[in-house]
């Protein structure tokens, strides 16, 4: 098995969301706990409403982006996809295609399945630059011939 996802997956999937939730959750709780009329020049009630909206919208953004990242490993026969709690194996014939996109300095890859799997029909991962490219050069023809 060769790991195709980046080491940054663990950082983005767990550490960033935990830090964000703890920091801004504590800020939101503090704004409600200290019931001040003004926080500097900012009125208290709009700040409390804004803090809740910011915190909840951030939770949704984290859930639908970073927390959906998976760790992917592959070999000549199949892919292993894990969310660090559950691991599932997908064969090449169950994969419709793999798409890639760039986001800042990261290469994001998406595995599209023909039918819905345990993690859904699409699985996202941050591709390791060298490992992913080498794997696709070696086994990419197999994936393209599946269509």
C-alpha atoms as a PDB file:
ATOM      1  CA  UNK A   1       0.000   0.000   0.000  1.00  0.00           C
ATOM      2  CA  UNK A   2       1.210   3.431  -0.899  1.00  0.00           C
ATOM      3  CA  UNK A   3      -0.182   6.479   0.849  1.00  0.00           C
ATOM      4  CA  UNK A   4      -1.575   8.945  -1.697  1.00  0.00           C
ATOM      5  CA  UNK A   5      -2.889  11.604   0.654  1.00  0.00           C
ATOM      6  CA  UNK A   6      -0.710  14.243   2.239  1.00  0.00           C
ATOM      7  CA  UNK A   7       0.483  14.308   5.832  1.00  0.00           C
ATOM      8  CA  UNK A   8      -1.422  17.600   6.107  1.00  0.00           C
ATOM      9  CA  UNK A   9      -4.703  15.657   6.044  1.00  0.00           C
ATOM     10  CA  UNK A  10      -4.513  14.923   9.759  1.00  0.00           C
ATOM     11  CA  UNK A  11      -3.720  18.573  10.528  1.00  0.00           C
ATOM     12  CA  UNK A  12      -6.598  19.952   8.442  1.00  0.00           C
ATOM     13  CA  UNK A  13      -9.137  17.285   9.404  1.00  0.00           C
ATOM     14  CA  UNK A  14      -8.637  17.360  13.180  1.00  0.00           C
ATOM     15  CA  UNK A  15      -6.327  20.071  14.522  1.00  0.00           C
ATOM     16  CA  UNK A  16      -7.702  23.072  12.630  1.00  0.00           C
ATOM     17  CA  UNK A  17     -11.367  22.299  13.443  1.00  0.00           C
ATOM     18  CA  UNK A  18     -10.631  21.520  17.103  1.00  0.00           C
ATOM     19  CA  UNK A  19      -8.621  24.723  17.525  1.00  0.00           C
ATOM     20  CA  UNK A  20     -11.290  26.789  15.746  1.00  0.00           C
ATOM     21  CA  UNK A  21     -14.181  25.283  17.736  1.00  0.00           C
ATOM     22  CA  UNK A  22     -12.419  25.698  21.084  1.00  0.00           C
ATOM     23  CA  UNK A  23     -11.196  29.252  20.446  1.00  0.00           C
ATOM     24  CA  UNK A  24     -14.347  30.710  18.921  1.00  0.00           C
ATOM     25  CA  UNK A  25     -16.614  28.603  21.136  1.00  0.00           C
ATOM     26  CA  UNK A  26     -14.895  30.047  24.205  1.00  0.00           C
ATOM     27  CA  UNK A  27     -15.175  33.545  22.715  1.00  0.00           C
ATOM     28  CA  UNK A  28     -18.918  33.074  22.096  1.00  0.00           C
ATOM     29  CA  UNK A  29     -19.461  31.762  25.630  1.00  0.00           C
ATOM     30  CA  UNK A  30     -17.449  34.663  27.083  1.00  0.00           C
ATOM     31  CA  UNK A  31     -19.514  37.230  25.190  1.00  0.00           C
ATOM     32  CA  UNK A  32     -22.676  35.777  26.722  1.00  0.00           C
ATOM     33  CA  UNK A  33     -21.181  35.243  30.185  1.00  0.00           C
ATOM     34  CA  UNK A  34     -20.002  38.854  30.623  1.00  0.00           C
ATOM     35  CA  UNK A  35     -23.277  40.553  29.610  1.00  0.00           C
ATOM     36  CA  UNK A  36     -21.610  43.953  29.091  1.00  0.00           C
ATOM     37  CA  UNK A  37     -23.526  46.748  27.378  1.00  0.00           C
ATOM     38  CA  UNK A  38     -20.485  47.616  25.266  1.00  0.00           C
ATOM     39  CA  UNK A  39     -17.321  45.736  24.298  1.00  0.00           C
ATOM     40  CA  UNK A  40     -15.040  48.610  23.450  1.00  0.00           C
ATOM     41  CA  UNK A  41     -17.106  50.657  21.008  1.00  0.00           C
ATOM     42  CA  UNK A  42     -19.232  47.688  19.922  1.00  0.00           C
ATOM     43  CA  UNK A  43     -22.730  47.354  21.422  1.00  0.00           C
ATOM     44  CA  UNK A  44     -23.177  44.103  23.362  1.00  0.00           C
ATOM     45  CA  UNK A  45     -26.317  42.677  21.735  1.00  0.00           C
ATOM     46  CA  UNK A  46     -25.127  42.935  18.090  1.00  0.00           C
ATOM     47  CA  UNK A  47     -21.768  41.453  19.124  1.00  0.00           C
ATOM     48  CA  UNK A  48     -23.492  38.480  20.767  1.00  0.00           C
ATOM     49  CA  UNK A  49     -25.671  37.875  17.716  1.00  0.00           C
ATOM     50  CA  UNK A  50     -22.666  38.243  15.416  1.00  0.00           C
ATOM     51  CA  UNK A  51     -20.586  35.868  17.511  1.00  0.00           C
ATOM     52  CA  UNK A  52     -23.270  33.175  17.362  1.00  0.00           C
ATOM     53  CA  UNK A  53     -23.781  33.621  13.603  1.00  0.00           C
ATOM     54  CA  UNK A  54     -20.009  33.535  13.004  1.00  0.00           C
ATOM     55  CA  UNK A  55     -19.545  30.455  15.197  1.00  0.00           C
ATOM     56  CA  UNK A  56     -22.430  28.476  13.681  1.00  0.00           C
ATOM     57  CA  UNK A  57     -21.537  29.395  10.097  1.00  0.00           C
ATOM     58  CA  UNK A  58     -17.938  28.402  10.815  1.00  0.00           C
ATOM     59  CA  UNK A  59     -19.094  25.038  12.159  1.00  0.00           C
ATOM     60  CA  UNK A  60     -21.043  24.413   8.950  1.00  0.00           C
ATOM     61  CA  UNK A  61     -18.078  25.437   6.796  1.00  0.00           C
ATOM     62  CA  UNK A  62     -15.703  23.177   8.715  1.00  0.00           C
ATOM     63  CA  UNK A  63     -18.102  20.256   8.568  1.00  0.00           C
ATOM     64  CA  UNK A  64     -18.697  20.482   4.829  1.00  0.00           C
ATOM     65  CA  UNK A  65     -15.045  21.125   3.904  1.00  0.00           C
ATOM     66  CA  UNK A  66     -12.170  20.120   6.173  1.00  0.00           C
ATOM     67  CA  UNK A  67     -13.941  17.473   8.203  1.00  0.00           C
ATOM     68  CA  UNK A  68     -14.852  15.590   5.000  1.00  0.00           C
ATOM     69  CA  UNK A  69     -11.205  14.951   4.091  1.00  0.00           C
ATOM     70  CA  UNK A  70     -10.097  11.321   3.901  1.00  0.00           C
ATOM     71  CA  UNK A  71      -6.774   9.491   3.970  1.00  0.00           C
ATOM     72  CA  UNK A  72      -6.243   7.415   0.835  1.00  0.00           C
ATOM     73  CA  UNK A  73      -3.845   4.553   0.146  1.00  0.00           C
ATOM     74  CA  UNK A  74      -3.622   2.507  -3.015  1.00  0.00           C
ATOM     75  CA  UNK A  75      -1.973  -0.428  -4.728  1.00  0.00           C
ATOM     76  CA  UNK A  76      -2.418  -2.363  -7.979  1.00  0.00           C
ATOM     77  CA  UNK A  77      -5.767  -3.898  -6.958  1.00  0.00           C
ATOM     78  CA  UNK A  78      -7.678  -1.390  -4.833  1.00  0.00           C
ATOM     79  CA  UNK A  79      -7.851   1.812  -2.809  1.00  0.00           C
ATOM     80  CA  UNK A  80      -8.170   2.019   0.979  1.00  0.00           C
ATOM     81  CA  UNK A  81     -10.067   5.084   2.170  1.00  0.00           C
ATOM     82  CA  UNK A  82     -10.251   5.996   5.847  1.00  0.00           C
ATOM     83  CA  UNK A  83     -11.617   8.787   7.980  1.00  0.00           C
ATOM     84  CA  UNK A  84      -9.231   7.629  10.762  1.00  0.00           C
ATOM     85  CA  UNK A  85     -12.061   5.745  12.482  1.00  0.00           C
ATOM     86  CA  UNK A  86     -13.397   3.480   9.716  1.00  0.00           C
ATOM     87  CA  UNK A  87     -11.562   2.073   6.706  1.00  0.00           C
ATOM     88  CA  UNK A  88     -13.132   0.827   3.480  1.00  0.00           C
ATOM     89  CA  UNK A  89     -11.662  -0.819   0.404  1.00  0.00           C
ATOM     90  CA  UNK A  90     -12.739   0.169  -3.106  1.00  0.00           C
ATOM     91  CA  UNK A  91     -11.704  -1.693  -6.239  1.00  0.00           C
ATOM     92  CA  UNK A  92     -10.835   0.077  -9.477  1.00  0.00           C
ATOM     93  CA  UNK A  93     -14.033  -1.069 -11.161  1.00  0.00           C
ATOM     94  CA  UNK A  94     -16.104   0.769  -8.515  1.00  0.00           C
ATOM     95  CA  UNK A  95     -14.360   4.075  -9.312  1.00  0.00           C
ATOM     96  CA  UNK A  96     -15.850   6.228 -12.046  1.00  0.00           C
ATOM     97  CA  UNK A  97     -13.061   8.824 -12.157  1.00  0.00           C
ATOM     98  CA  UNK A  98     -10.573  10.783 -10.105  1.00  0.00           C
ATOM     99  CA  UNK A  99     -10.523  14.552 -10.519  1.00  0.00           C
ATOM    100  CA  UNK A 100      -7.887  16.993  -9.345  1.00  0.00           C
ATOM    101  CA  UNK A 101      -7.975  20.689  -8.531  1.00  0.00           C
ATOM    102  CA  UNK A 102      -5.594  23.213  -7.045  1.00  0.00           C
ATOM    103  CA  UNK A 103      -6.395  25.270  -3.960  1.00  0.00           C
ATOM    104  CA  UNK A 104      -3.601  27.631  -2.958  1.00  0.00           C
ATOM    105  CA  UNK A 105      -0.571  25.373  -2.445  1.00  0.00           C
ATOM    106  CA  UNK A 106      -2.639  22.174  -2.065  1.00  0.00           C
ATOM    107  CA  UNK A 107      -3.693  19.647  -4.679  1.00  0.00           C
ATOM    108  CA  UNK A 108      -7.192  18.413  -3.893  1.00  0.00           C
ATOM    109  CA  UNK A 109      -8.299  15.132  -5.436  1.00  0.00           C
ATOM    110  CA  UNK A 110     -11.800  13.698  -5.545  1.00  0.00           C
ATOM    111  CA  UNK A 111     -12.626  10.038  -6.043  1.00  0.00           C
ATOM    112  CA  UNK A 112     -15.986   9.682  -7.792  1.00  0.00           C
ATOM    113  CA  UNK A 113     -17.629   6.288  -7.318  1.00  0.00           C
ATOM    114  CA  UNK A 114     -20.065   4.709  -9.753  1.00  0.00           C
ATOM    115  CA  UNK A 115     -22.447   3.901  -6.912  1.00  0.00           C
ATOM    116  CA  UNK A 116     -22.781   5.328  -3.428  1.00  0.00           C
ATOM    117  CA  UNK A 117     -20.243   3.827  -1.030  1.00  0.00           C
ATOM    118  CA  UNK A 118     -19.831   3.930   2.730  1.00  0.00           C
ATOM    119  CA  UNK A 119     -18.427   7.492   2.599  1.00  0.00           C
ATOM    120  CA  UNK A 120     -20.828   8.640  -0.113  1.00  0.00           C
ATOM    121  CA  UNK A 121     -20.405   8.944  -3.859  1.00  0.00           C
ATOM    122  CA  UNK A 122     -17.476  11.397  -3.661  1.00  0.00           C
ATOM    123  CA  UNK A 123     -14.458  11.278  -1.369  1.00  0.00           C
ATOM    124  CA  UNK A 124     -12.062  14.205  -1.010  1.00  0.00           C
ATOM    125  CA  UNK A 125      -8.394  14.094  -0.077  1.00  0.00           C
ATOM    126  CA  UNK A 126      -5.313  16.304  -0.167  1.00  0.00           C
ATOM    127  CA  UNK A 127      -2.971  14.590  -2.609  1.00  0.00           C
ATOM    128  CA  UNK A 128       0.688  14.199  -1.718  1.00  0.00           C
ATOM    129  CA  UNK A 129       2.555  15.826  -4.611  1.00  0.00           C
ATOM    130  CA  UNK A 130       5.205  13.199  -5.266  1.00  0.00           C
ATOM    131  CA  UNK A 131       3.411  10.049  -4.107  1.00  0.00           C
ATOM    132  CA  UNK A 132       0.145  10.781  -5.899  1.00  0.00           C
ATOM    133  CA  UNK A 133       1.847  11.699  -9.186  1.00  0.00           C
ATOM    134  CA  UNK A 134       3.994   8.550  -9.088  1.00  0.00           C
ATOM    135  CA  UNK A 135       0.971   6.390  -8.338  1.00  0.00           C
ATOM    136  CA  UNK A 136      -1.073   7.910 -11.171  1.00  0.00           C
ATOM    137  CA  UNK A 137       1.786   7.404 -13.625  1.00  0.00           C
ATOM    138  CA  UNK A 138       2.028   3.763 -12.581  1.00  0.00           C
ATOM    139  CA  UNK A 139      -1.682   2.850 -12.198  1.00  0.00           C
ATOM    140  CA  UNK A 140      -3.534   5.752 -13.844  1.00  0.00           C
ATOM    141  CA  UNK A 141      -4.044   3.789 -17.072  1.00  0.00           C
ATOM    142  CA  UNK A 142      -5.996   1.178 -15.101  1.00  0.00           C
ATOM    143  CA  UNK A 143      -8.315   3.859 -13.763  1.00  0.00           C
ATOM    144  CA  UNK A 144      -8.852   5.416 -17.184  1.00  0.00           C
ATOM    145  CA  UNK A 145      -9.599   2.070 -18.825  1.00  0.00           C
ATOM    146  CA  UNK A 146     -12.351   1.371 -16.279  1.00  0.00           C
ATOM    147  CA  UNK A 147     -14.705   3.941 -17.886  1.00  0.00           C
END
